[in-house]
Amino acid sequence: MEEQKNNPLHGITLEQMLVQLVDYFGWDELGYKININSFNNNPSIKSSLTFLRKTPWAREKVERLYVKTFTKKN
């Protein structure tokens, strides 16, 4: 537990991150910020999750954008 204390993503699923990012930015803006086909061509949560789970570099970009957008800096 102690090692997760400063992890802003602890307890947040990839699906929760993606839904929150889509709600906040919309698919068009999200696809502009992270240029991947599953955000730009006929986007859906399901297809995007499938891609992100198989593609570590894309998942890292989503995680970084989530942290940058939704975590408070102290």
C-alpha atoms as a PDB file:
ATOM      1  CA  MET A   1       0.000   0.000   0.000  1.00  0.00           C
ATOM      2  CA  GLU A   2       2.757   2.447   0.924  1.00  0.00           C
ATOM      3  CA  GLU A   3       4.294   2.290  -2.561  1.00  0.00           C
ATOM      4  CA  GLN A   4       1.007   3.459  -4.148  1.00  0.00           C
ATOM      5  CA  LYS A   5       0.636   6.499  -1.873  1.00  0.00           C
ATOM      6  CA  ASN A   6       1.958   8.967  -4.445  1.00  0.00           C
ATOM      7  CA  ASN A   7       0.619   7.223  -7.554  1.00  0.00           C
ATOM      8  CA  PRO A   8      -2.150   9.443  -8.996  1.00  0.00           C
ATOM      9  CA  LEU A   9      -3.458   6.520 -11.086  1.00  0.00           C
ATOM     10  CA  HIS A  10      -3.868   4.120  -8.164  1.00  0.00           C
ATOM     11  CA  GLY A  11      -7.387   2.684  -8.146  1.00  0.00           C
ATOM     12  CA  ILE A  12      -8.354   4.177 -11.523  1.00  0.00           C
ATOM     13  CA  THR A  13      -9.054   1.792 -14.383  1.00  0.00           C
ATOM     14  CA  LEU A  14      -8.086   2.458 -17.980  1.00  0.00           C
ATOM     15  CA  GLU A  15     -11.780   2.578 -18.848  1.00  0.00           C
ATOM     16  CA  GLN A  16     -12.441   5.218 -16.175  1.00  0.00           C
ATOM     17  CA  MET A  17      -9.549   7.314 -17.500  1.00  0.00           C
ATOM     18  CA  LEU A  18     -10.749   7.056 -21.078  1.00  0.00           C
ATOM     19  CA  VAL A  19     -14.387   7.863 -20.271  1.00  0.00           C
ATOM     20  CA  GLN A  20     -13.341  10.890 -18.238  1.00  0.00           C
ATOM     21  CA  LEU A  21     -10.998  12.128 -20.983  1.00  0.00           C
ATOM     22  CA  VAL A  22     -13.676  11.704 -23.658  1.00  0.00           C
ATOM     23  CA  ASP A  23     -16.238  13.507 -21.479  1.00  0.00           C
ATOM     24  CA  TYR A  24     -13.790  16.347 -20.896  1.00  0.00           C
ATOM     25  CA  PHE A  25     -12.223  16.747 -24.366  1.00  0.00           C
ATOM     26  CA  GLY A  26     -14.546  14.914 -26.763  1.00  0.00           C
ATOM     27  CA  TRP A  27     -13.245  12.471 -29.357  1.00  0.00           C
ATOM     28  CA  ASP A  28     -12.066  15.162 -31.799  1.00  0.00           C
ATOM     29  CA  GLU A  29      -9.869  16.979 -29.286  1.00  0.00           C
ATOM     30  CA  LEU A  30      -8.640  13.734 -27.745  1.00  0.00           C
ATOM     31  CA  GLY A  31      -7.678  12.476 -31.204  1.00  0.00           C
ATOM     32  CA  TYR A  32      -5.819  15.720 -31.805  1.00  0.00           C
ATOM     33  CA  LYS A  33      -3.929  15.475 -28.503  1.00  0.00           C
ATOM     34  CA  ILE A  34      -3.163  11.756 -28.929  1.00  0.00           C
ATOM     35  CA  ASN A  35      -3.126  10.927 -32.629  1.00  0.00           C
ATOM     36  CA  ILE A  36      -4.204   7.294 -32.807  1.00  0.00           C
ATOM     37  CA  ASN A  37      -6.718   5.750 -35.189  1.00  0.00           C
ATOM     38  CA  SER A  38      -9.040   4.443 -32.495  1.00  0.00           C
ATOM     39  CA  PHE A  39      -9.623   8.066 -31.392  1.00  0.00           C
ATOM     40  CA  ASN A  40      -9.912   9.532 -34.906  1.00  0.00           C
ATOM     41  CA  ASN A  41     -11.723   6.960 -37.043  1.00  0.00           C
ATOM     42  CA  ASN A  42     -15.136   5.780 -35.828  1.00  0.00           C
ATOM     43  CA  PRO A  43     -14.127   6.048 -32.150  1.00  0.00           C
ATOM     44  CA  SER A  44     -15.683   4.036 -29.366  1.00  0.00           C
ATOM     45  CA  ILE A  45     -14.710   3.250 -25.809  1.00  0.00           C
ATOM     46  CA  LYS A  46     -14.617  -0.486 -26.563  1.00  0.00           C
ATOM     47  CA  SER A  47     -12.338  -0.285 -29.614  1.00  0.00           C
ATOM     48  CA  SER A  48     -10.078   2.250 -27.925  1.00  0.00           C
ATOM     49  CA  LEU A  49      -9.714   0.084 -24.818  1.00  0.00           C
ATOM     50  CA  THR A  50      -8.829  -2.927 -26.955  1.00  0.00           C
ATOM     51  CA  PHE A  51      -6.110  -0.943 -28.715  1.00  0.00           C
ATOM     52  CA  LEU A  52      -4.762   0.696 -25.555  1.00  0.00           C
ATOM     53  CA  ARG A  53      -4.517  -2.622 -23.701  1.00  0.00           C
ATOM     54  CA  LYS A  54      -2.349  -4.027 -26.514  1.00  0.00           C
ATOM     55  CA  THR A  55      -0.242  -0.915 -27.113  1.00  0.00           C
ATOM     56  CA  PRO A  56       1.882   0.245 -24.173  1.00  0.00           C
ATOM     57  CA  TRP A  57       3.119   3.494 -25.782  1.00  0.00           C
ATOM     58  CA  ALA A  58      -0.445   4.641 -26.481  1.00  0.00           C
ATOM     59  CA  ARG A  59      -1.620   3.706 -22.990  1.00  0.00           C
ATOM     60  CA  GLU A  60       1.257   5.722 -21.518  1.00  0.00           C
ATOM     61  CA  LYS A  61       0.150   8.771 -23.510  1.00  0.00           C
ATOM     62  CA  VAL A  62      -3.407   8.388 -22.206  1.00  0.00           C
ATOM     63  CA  GLU A  63      -2.145   8.011 -18.643  1.00  0.00           C
ATOM     64  CA  ARG A  64       0.097  11.092 -18.948  1.00  0.00           C
ATOM     65  CA  LEU A  65      -2.732  13.197 -20.383  1.00  0.00           C
ATOM     66  CA  TYR A  66      -5.070  12.012 -17.629  1.00  0.00           C
ATOM     67  CA  VAL A  67      -2.595  12.923 -14.894  1.00  0.00           C
ATOM     68  CA  LYS A  68      -1.829  16.292 -16.512  1.00  0.00           C
ATOM     69  CA  THR A  69      -5.531  17.094 -16.899  1.00  0.00           C
ATOM     70  CA  PHE A  70      -7.104  15.784 -13.705  1.00  0.00           C
ATOM     71  CA  THR A  71      -4.553  15.785 -10.896  1.00  0.00           C
ATOM     72  CA  LYS A  72      -3.844  18.778  -8.733  1.00  0.00           C
ATOM     73  CA  LYS A  73      -0.303  19.932  -8.295  1.00  0.00           C
ATOM     74  CA  ASN A  74       0.647  20.743  -4.720  1.00  0.00           C
END
